[in-house]
Amino acid sequence: MRNDSRLSRMLHVVLHMARQAKPFTSEQIGEMLKTNPVVVRRTMAGLRDAGYVTSVTGPGGGWTIACDLEKTTLLDIQKAVGGPNLFVIGIDNPNPVCAVERAVNAALSEAMERAERMLLDRLGEVSLASLAIHFGGLCEGNHGSAK
């Protein structure tokens, strides 16, 4: 099963946008992410609808960042790009007759709810500004590239 990488991919794009004051076309973003521009437009639409990016069509147009990096969190971006459940683990039968299966469901459900809450809480604590600072430090220290 493939991982859902929309969050990490859109964070990648948003950080590049924050670093450069020029619009990025869907084609440029598609090259950056090694995906089709149609996929880019579909995914970026969620960010646009939430007000985190803007788009202009036609020559000289493209996608630009429109949010305050200090006030926007990873959780905000996650909500904007949507997607399936955060975890792919789940219960097989929500209304089992078997007592063993009911016990298993209860344990798994509780564990998954806790893990999801912890992850969502952490995503809500990390701002795009802190990611941009980390990214900038990596680039300046030659520990990473701006690709």
N, C-alpha and C. Protein backbone atom coordinates (compact mmCIF):
# COMPACT_ATOMS: atom_id res chain seq x y z
N MET A 1 0.84 -1.17 0.00
CA MET A 1 0.00 0.00 0.00
C MET A 1 0.89 1.24 0.00
N ARG A 2 0.57 2.18 -0.85
CA ARG A 2 1.33 3.43 -0.96
C ARG A 2 0.98 4.39 0.16
N ASN A 3 2.01 5.12 0.61
CA ASN A 3 1.77 6.17 1.60
C ASN A 3 1.06 7.34 0.94
N ASP A 4 0.24 8.04 1.70
CA ASP A 4 -0.38 9.28 1.24
C ASP A 4 0.60 10.40 1.56
N SER A 5 1.24 10.92 0.53
CA SER A 5 2.31 11.91 0.73
C SER A 5 1.86 13.34 0.43
N ARG A 6 0.56 13.56 0.35
CA ARG A 6 0.08 14.91 0.00
C ARG A 6 0.57 15.97 0.98
N LEU A 7 0.55 15.69 2.26
CA LEU A 7 0.98 16.68 3.24
C LEU A 7 2.44 17.04 3.03
N SER A 8 3.31 16.06 2.98
CA SER A 8 4.74 16.37 2.82
C SER A 8 5.02 17.04 1.48
N ARG A 9 4.32 16.63 0.43
CA ARG A 9 4.54 17.23 -0.88
C ARG A 9 4.09 18.69 -0.92
N MET A 10 2.94 18.97 -0.31
CA MET A 10 2.45 20.35 -0.31
C MET A 10 3.28 21.24 0.62
N LEU A 11 3.78 20.69 1.71
CA LEU A 11 4.69 21.46 2.55
C LEU A 11 5.95 21.81 1.78
N HIS A 12 6.45 20.87 0.99
CA HIS A 12 7.61 21.09 0.13
C HIS A 12 7.35 22.28 -0.80
N VAL A 13 6.22 22.28 -1.44
CA VAL A 13 5.86 23.34 -2.38
C VAL A 13 5.71 24.68 -1.66
N VAL A 14 4.99 24.69 -0.56
CA VAL A 14 4.74 25.93 0.17
C VAL A 14 6.05 26.56 0.66
N LEU A 15 6.98 25.73 1.12
CA LEU A 15 8.26 26.28 1.57
C LEU A 15 9.05 26.89 0.42
N HIS A 16 9.00 26.27 -0.75
CA HIS A 16 9.65 26.88 -1.92
C HIS A 16 8.98 28.20 -2.26
N MET A 17 7.66 28.24 -2.20
CA MET A 17 6.94 29.48 -2.50
C MET A 17 7.31 30.58 -1.52
N ALA A 18 7.46 30.23 -0.25
CA ALA A 18 7.80 31.22 0.77
C ALA A 18 9.20 31.79 0.55
N ARG A 19 10.04 31.02 -0.07
CA ARG A 19 11.43 31.44 -0.30
C ARG A 19 11.59 32.30 -1.55
N GLN A 20 10.66 32.18 -2.49
CA GLN A 20 10.77 32.92 -3.74
C GLN A 20 9.50 33.75 -3.96
N ALA A 21 9.69 34.95 -4.42
CA ALA A 21 8.57 35.88 -4.59
C ALA A 21 7.91 35.78 -5.96
N LYS A 22 8.13 34.70 -6.67
CA LYS A 22 7.55 34.56 -8.00
C LYS A 22 6.52 33.43 -8.00
N PRO A 23 5.55 33.52 -8.89
CA PRO A 23 4.57 32.42 -8.98
C PRO A 23 5.22 31.16 -9.55
N PHE A 24 4.71 30.03 -9.13
CA PHE A 24 5.12 28.74 -9.68
C PHE A 24 3.97 28.20 -10.50
N THR A 25 4.25 27.76 -11.72
CA THR A 25 3.20 27.16 -12.54
C THR A 25 2.96 25.73 -12.08
N SER A 26 1.83 25.20 -12.45
CA SER A 26 1.53 23.80 -12.14
C SER A 26 2.55 22.88 -12.78
N GLU A 27 3.05 23.27 -13.95
CA GLU A 27 4.06 22.48 -14.63
C GLU A 27 5.37 22.47 -13.84
N GLN A 28 5.77 23.64 -13.33
CA GLN A 28 6.99 23.70 -12.52
C GLN A 28 6.86 22.88 -11.25
N ILE A 29 5.72 23.00 -10.60
CA ILE A 29 5.50 22.22 -9.37
C ILE A 29 5.47 20.74 -9.71
N GLY A 30 4.84 20.40 -10.83
CA GLY A 30 4.80 19.00 -11.27
C GLY A 30 6.20 18.44 -11.48
N GLU A 31 7.08 19.24 -12.09
CA GLU A 31 8.47 18.80 -12.28
C GLU A 31 9.15 18.62 -10.93
N MET A 32 8.93 19.56 -10.01
CA MET A 32 9.53 19.51 -8.68
C MET A 32 9.11 18.23 -7.96
N LEU A 33 7.84 17.88 -8.07
CA LEU A 33 7.28 16.73 -7.35
C LEU A 33 7.27 15.45 -8.18
N LYS A 34 7.70 15.57 -9.42
CA LYS A 34 7.69 14.43 -10.35
C LYS A 34 6.29 13.83 -10.48
N THR A 35 5.35 14.74 -10.78
CA THR A 35 3.97 14.32 -10.97
C THR A 35 3.33 15.17 -12.06
N ASN A 36 2.15 14.81 -12.46
CA ASN A 36 1.42 15.49 -13.52
C ASN A 36 0.86 16.83 -13.03
N PRO A 37 0.90 17.88 -13.86
CA PRO A 37 0.34 19.17 -13.48
C PRO A 37 -1.14 19.11 -13.09
N VAL A 38 -1.88 18.18 -13.64
CA VAL A 38 -3.29 18.03 -13.28
C VAL A 38 -3.41 17.60 -11.82
N VAL A 39 -2.54 16.71 -11.38
CA VAL A 39 -2.52 16.28 -9.98
C VAL A 39 -2.17 17.47 -9.10
N VAL A 40 -1.22 18.28 -9.55
CA VAL A 40 -0.82 19.48 -8.81
C VAL A 40 -2.02 20.41 -8.64
N ARG A 41 -2.71 20.70 -9.71
CA ARG A 41 -3.85 21.62 -9.64
C ARG A 41 -4.94 21.10 -8.71
N ARG A 42 -5.18 19.80 -8.78
CA ARG A 42 -6.23 19.20 -7.93
C ARG A 42 -5.84 19.31 -6.45
N THR A 43 -4.58 19.06 -6.14
CA THR A 43 -4.14 19.11 -4.75
C THR A 43 -4.01 20.55 -4.26
N MET A 44 -3.49 21.42 -5.11
CA MET A 44 -3.32 22.83 -4.73
C MET A 44 -4.67 23.52 -4.54
N ALA A 45 -5.70 23.02 -5.18
CA ALA A 45 -7.03 23.63 -5.06
C ALA A 45 -7.48 23.66 -3.60
N GLY A 46 -7.16 22.62 -2.84
CA GLY A 46 -7.51 22.61 -1.42
C GLY A 46 -6.80 23.71 -0.65
N LEU A 47 -5.54 23.95 -0.98
CA LEU A 47 -4.79 25.03 -0.34
C LEU A 47 -5.35 26.39 -0.75
N ARG A 48 -5.74 26.51 -2.01
CA ARG A 48 -6.33 27.77 -2.49
C ARG A 48 -7.67 28.03 -1.82
N ASP A 49 -8.50 27.01 -1.76
CA ASP A 49 -9.82 27.16 -1.16
C ASP A 49 -9.73 27.55 0.32
N ALA A 50 -8.67 27.10 0.98
CA ALA A 50 -8.47 27.44 2.39
C ALA A 50 -7.76 28.78 2.58
N GLY A 51 -7.31 29.40 1.48
CA GLY A 51 -6.68 30.70 1.55
C GLY A 51 -5.18 30.69 1.80
N TYR A 52 -4.54 29.54 1.68
CA TYR A 52 -3.10 29.45 1.93
C TYR A 52 -2.26 29.78 0.71
N VAL A 53 -2.83 29.61 -0.47
CA VAL A 53 -2.18 30.00 -1.72
C VAL A 53 -3.21 30.68 -2.61
N THR A 54 -2.71 31.40 -3.61
CA THR A 54 -3.59 31.98 -4.62
C THR A 54 -3.11 31.47 -5.97
N SER A 55 -3.99 31.56 -6.95
CA SER A 55 -3.60 31.15 -8.30
C SER A 55 -4.12 32.18 -9.30
N VAL A 56 -3.30 32.39 -10.32
CA VAL A 56 -3.65 33.28 -11.43
C VAL A 56 -3.41 32.50 -12.70
N THR A 57 -4.40 32.50 -13.60
CA THR A 57 -4.25 31.78 -14.86
C THR A 57 -3.61 32.68 -15.90
N GLY A 58 -3.12 32.07 -16.96
CA GLY A 58 -2.57 32.81 -18.09
C GLY A 58 -1.08 33.08 -17.97
N PRO A 59 -0.55 33.77 -19.00
CA PRO A 59 0.88 34.07 -19.01
C PRO A 59 1.29 34.89 -17.78
N GLY A 60 2.39 34.48 -17.17
CA GLY A 60 2.88 35.16 -15.97
C GLY A 60 2.15 34.73 -14.71
N GLY A 61 1.17 33.86 -14.85
CA GLY A 61 0.39 33.41 -13.70
C GLY A 61 1.03 32.24 -13.01
N GLY A 62 0.31 31.69 -12.09
CA GLY A 62 0.79 30.54 -11.34
C GLY A 62 0.30 30.59 -9.92
N TRP A 63 0.93 29.82 -9.09
CA TRP A 63 0.57 29.68 -7.68
C TRP A 63 1.53 30.49 -6.82
N THR A 64 0.98 31.23 -5.86
CA THR A 64 1.81 31.97 -4.91
C THR A 64 1.28 31.76 -3.49
N ILE A 65 2.16 31.91 -2.54
CA ILE A 65 1.77 31.74 -1.14
C ILE A 65 0.95 32.95 -0.69
N ALA A 66 -0.05 32.71 0.13
CA ALA A 66 -0.95 33.79 0.56
C ALA A 66 -1.21 33.76 2.06
N CYS A 67 -0.41 33.01 2.79
CA CYS A 67 -0.69 32.88 4.23
C CYS A 67 0.47 33.43 5.06
N ASP A 68 0.18 33.69 6.30
CA ASP A 68 1.17 34.11 7.27
C ASP A 68 1.85 32.85 7.80
N LEU A 69 3.14 32.72 7.55
CA LEU A 69 3.86 31.50 7.95
C LEU A 69 3.87 31.31 9.47
N GLU A 70 3.83 32.40 10.21
CA GLU A 70 3.83 32.31 11.68
C GLU A 70 2.52 31.73 12.20
N LYS A 71 1.42 32.02 11.51
CA LYS A 71 0.10 31.62 12.00
C LYS A 71 -0.41 30.33 11.38
N THR A 72 0.26 29.84 10.35
CA THR A 72 -0.20 28.64 9.65
C THR A 72 0.60 27.44 10.12
N THR A 73 -0.11 26.38 10.50
CA THR A 73 0.54 25.19 11.03
C THR A 73 0.48 24.03 10.04
N LEU A 74 1.24 23.00 10.36
CA LEU A 74 1.18 21.79 9.56
C LEU A 74 -0.23 21.20 9.59
N LEU A 75 -0.91 21.34 10.71
CA LEU A 75 -2.28 20.85 10.81
C LEU A 75 -3.21 21.60 9.86
N ASP A 76 -3.00 22.90 9.71
CA ASP A 76 -3.81 23.68 8.77
C ASP A 76 -3.64 23.14 7.35
N ILE A 77 -2.40 22.87 6.98
CA ILE A 77 -2.12 22.35 5.63
C ILE A 77 -2.71 20.96 5.48
N GLN A 78 -2.58 20.12 6.51
CA GLN A 78 -3.16 18.77 6.46
C GLN A 78 -4.66 18.83 6.22
N LYS A 79 -5.33 19.71 6.93
CA LYS A 79 -6.78 19.85 6.76
C LYS A 79 -7.12 20.32 5.35
N ALA A 80 -6.30 21.22 4.80
CA ALA A 80 -6.58 21.76 3.47
C ALA A 80 -6.37 20.74 2.36
N VAL A 81 -5.38 19.88 2.50
CA VAL A 81 -5.14 18.88 1.44
C VAL A 81 -6.02 17.66 1.64
N GLY A 82 -6.62 17.55 2.84
CA GLY A 82 -7.55 16.45 3.08
C GLY A 82 -6.88 15.10 3.00
N GLY A 83 -7.64 14.13 2.67
CA GLY A 83 -7.09 12.80 2.54
C GLY A 83 -7.83 11.80 3.41
N PRO A 84 -7.40 10.57 3.28
CA PRO A 84 -8.04 9.51 4.07
C PRO A 84 -7.61 9.61 5.53
N ASN A 85 -7.99 8.64 6.30
CA ASN A 85 -7.57 8.59 7.70
C ASN A 85 -6.06 8.70 7.78
N LEU A 86 -5.59 9.22 8.91
CA LEU A 86 -4.15 9.36 9.10
C LEU A 86 -3.46 8.01 9.16
N PHE A 87 -4.15 7.01 9.66
CA PHE A 87 -3.56 5.68 9.78
C PHE A 87 -4.38 4.68 8.97
N VAL A 88 -3.70 3.69 8.45
CA VAL A 88 -4.41 2.68 7.66
C VAL A 88 -4.82 1.48 8.49
N ILE A 89 -4.35 1.41 9.73
CA ILE A 89 -4.77 0.32 10.61
C ILE A 89 -6.22 0.57 11.00
N GLY A 90 -6.99 -0.48 11.04
CA GLY A 90 -8.38 -0.31 11.43
C GLY A 90 -8.97 -1.62 11.92
N ILE A 91 -10.20 -1.54 12.34
CA ILE A 91 -10.88 -2.74 12.80
C ILE A 91 -11.63 -3.37 11.63
N ASP A 92 -11.79 -4.68 11.71
CA ASP A 92 -12.40 -5.43 10.62
C ASP A 92 -13.91 -5.33 10.63
N ASN A 93 -14.52 -5.44 11.78
CA ASN A 93 -15.97 -5.48 11.88
C ASN A 93 -16.38 -4.56 13.04
N PRO A 94 -17.05 -3.46 12.75
CA PRO A 94 -17.39 -2.51 13.82
C PRO A 94 -18.44 -3.01 14.82
N ASN A 95 -19.23 -4.01 14.46
CA ASN A 95 -20.28 -4.53 15.35
C ASN A 95 -20.19 -6.05 15.47
N PRO A 96 -19.11 -6.55 16.07
CA PRO A 96 -18.94 -8.01 16.13
C PRO A 96 -19.82 -8.67 17.18
N VAL A 97 -20.13 -9.91 16.93
CA VAL A 97 -20.85 -10.73 17.89
C VAL A 97 -19.83 -11.39 18.83
N CYS A 98 -18.70 -11.72 18.31
CA CYS A 98 -17.64 -12.42 19.04
C CYS A 98 -17.05 -11.52 20.14
N ALA A 99 -16.98 -12.03 21.37
CA ALA A 99 -16.43 -11.27 22.49
C ALA A 99 -14.96 -10.95 22.29
N VAL A 100 -14.20 -11.86 21.71
CA VAL A 100 -12.78 -11.61 21.45
C VAL A 100 -12.64 -10.43 20.50
N GLU A 101 -13.42 -10.42 19.45
CA GLU A 101 -13.34 -9.33 18.48
C GLU A 101 -13.76 -8.01 19.11
N ARG A 102 -14.74 -8.02 19.99
CA ARG A 102 -15.15 -6.79 20.68
C ARG A 102 -14.01 -6.25 21.54
N ALA A 103 -13.29 -7.15 22.23
CA ALA A 103 -12.16 -6.74 23.06
C ALA A 103 -11.03 -6.18 22.20
N VAL A 104 -10.76 -6.84 21.09
CA VAL A 104 -9.72 -6.37 20.17
C VAL A 104 -10.10 -5.00 19.61
N ASN A 105 -11.34 -4.84 19.18
CA ASN A 105 -11.81 -3.56 18.65
C ASN A 105 -11.64 -2.43 19.66
N ALA A 106 -12.00 -2.71 20.90
CA ALA A 106 -11.91 -1.68 21.94
C ALA A 106 -10.45 -1.25 22.13
N ALA A 107 -9.54 -2.22 22.20
CA ALA A 107 -8.13 -1.91 22.40
C ALA A 107 -7.56 -1.15 21.21
N LEU A 108 -7.85 -1.61 20.00
CA LEU A 108 -7.33 -0.94 18.81
C LEU A 108 -7.92 0.45 18.64
N SER A 109 -9.20 0.57 18.85
CA SER A 109 -9.85 1.88 18.69
C SER A 109 -9.26 2.90 19.64
N GLU A 110 -9.07 2.51 20.89
CA GLU A 110 -8.51 3.43 21.88
C GLU A 110 -7.08 3.82 21.50
N ALA A 111 -6.28 2.86 21.10
CA ALA A 111 -4.89 3.14 20.73
C ALA A 111 -4.82 4.07 19.51
N MET A 112 -5.66 3.80 18.53
CA MET A 112 -5.65 4.62 17.31
C MET A 112 -6.14 6.04 17.60
N GLU A 113 -7.15 6.17 18.42
CA GLU A 113 -7.64 7.51 18.77
C GLU A 113 -6.57 8.31 19.50
N ARG A 114 -5.86 7.68 20.42
CA ARG A 114 -4.77 8.35 21.14
C ARG A 114 -3.65 8.76 20.20
N ALA A 115 -3.24 7.84 19.34
CA ALA A 115 -2.15 8.13 18.41
C ALA A 115 -2.53 9.26 17.45
N GLU A 116 -3.74 9.23 16.95
CA GLU A 116 -4.19 10.27 16.04
C GLU A 116 -4.24 11.63 16.75
N ARG A 117 -4.74 11.65 17.97
CA ARG A 117 -4.81 12.91 18.72
C ARG A 117 -3.41 13.48 18.96
N MET A 118 -2.46 12.60 19.32
CA MET A 118 -1.07 13.04 19.54
C MET A 118 -0.47 13.62 18.27
N LEU A 119 -0.70 12.95 17.15
CA LEU A 119 -0.15 13.43 15.88
C LEU A 119 -0.79 14.76 15.50
N LEU A 120 -2.09 14.87 15.60
CA LEU A 120 -2.77 16.11 15.25
C LEU A 120 -2.34 17.25 16.17
N ASP A 121 -2.18 16.96 17.46
CA ASP A 121 -1.70 17.98 18.39
C ASP A 121 -0.32 18.48 17.97
N ARG A 122 0.56 17.55 17.62
CA ARG A 122 1.92 17.94 17.23
C ARG A 122 1.90 18.74 15.93
N LEU A 123 1.11 18.33 14.96
CA LEU A 123 1.02 19.08 13.70
C LEU A 123 0.52 20.50 13.96
N GLY A 124 -0.36 20.65 14.94
CA GLY A 124 -0.88 21.97 15.29
C GLY A 124 0.12 22.85 16.00
N GLU A 125 1.19 22.27 16.52
CA GLU A 125 2.23 23.03 17.23
C GLU A 125 3.32 23.56 16.31
N VAL A 126 3.45 23.01 15.12
CA VAL A 126 4.56 23.36 14.23
C VAL A 126 4.07 24.34 13.17
N SER A 127 4.65 25.53 13.16
CA SER A 127 4.27 26.54 12.18
C SER A 127 5.10 26.39 10.91
N LEU A 128 4.57 26.92 9.83
CA LEU A 128 5.33 26.95 8.58
C LEU A 128 6.59 27.79 8.76
N ALA A 129 6.52 28.83 9.59
CA ALA A 129 7.70 29.67 9.84
C ALA A 129 8.83 28.85 10.45
N SER A 130 8.51 27.97 11.40
CA SER A 130 9.57 27.16 12.00
C SER A 130 10.16 26.19 10.99
N LEU A 131 9.33 25.66 10.09
CA LEU A 131 9.86 24.81 9.01
C LEU A 131 10.75 25.61 8.08
N ALA A 132 10.33 26.83 7.75
CA ALA A 132 11.11 27.67 6.85
C ALA A 132 12.47 28.00 7.48
N ILE A 133 12.49 28.25 8.78
CA ILE A 133 13.76 28.53 9.47
C ILE A 133 14.66 27.30 9.42
N HIS A 134 14.10 26.15 9.70
CA HIS A 134 14.88 24.90 9.65
C HIS A 134 15.42 24.67 8.24
N PHE A 135 14.57 24.84 7.25
CA PHE A 135 14.94 24.68 5.85
C PHE A 135 16.08 25.63 5.49
N GLY A 136 15.94 26.90 5.88
CA GLY A 136 16.98 27.89 5.60
C GLY A 136 18.29 27.53 6.25
N GLY A 137 18.23 27.04 7.48
CA GLY A 137 19.45 26.63 8.17
C GLY A 137 20.12 25.46 7.48
N LEU A 138 19.34 24.52 7.01
CA LEU A 138 19.91 23.38 6.29
C LEU A 138 20.60 23.82 5.01
N CYS A 139 19.98 24.77 4.30
CA CYS A 139 20.56 25.25 3.05
C CYS A 139 21.85 26.04 3.32
N GLU A 140 21.84 26.89 4.33
CA GLU A 140 23.01 27.70 4.64
C GLU A 140 24.15 26.86 5.16
N GLY A 141 23.84 25.78 5.88
CA GLY A 141 24.86 24.93 6.44
C GLY A 141 25.30 23.83 5.48
N ASN A 142 24.80 23.87 4.24
CA ASN A 142 25.12 22.86 3.21
C ASN A 142 24.78 21.44 3.66
N HIS A 143 23.78 21.30 4.54
CA HIS A 143 23.34 19.97 4.96
C HIS A 143 22.17 19.49 4.12
N GLY A 144 21.77 20.29 3.19
CA GLY A 144 20.65 19.92 2.32
C GLY A 144 20.64 20.88 1.15
N SER A 145 19.77 20.64 0.23
CA SER A 145 19.69 21.52 -0.93
C SER A 145 18.30 22.12 -0.98
N ALA A 146 18.16 23.12 -1.80
CA ALA A 146 16.87 23.81 -1.95
C ALA A 146 16.04 23.13 -3.02
N LYS A 147 16.30 21.90 -3.32
CA LYS A 147 15.54 21.20 -4.36
C LYS A 147 14.19 20.81 -3.85
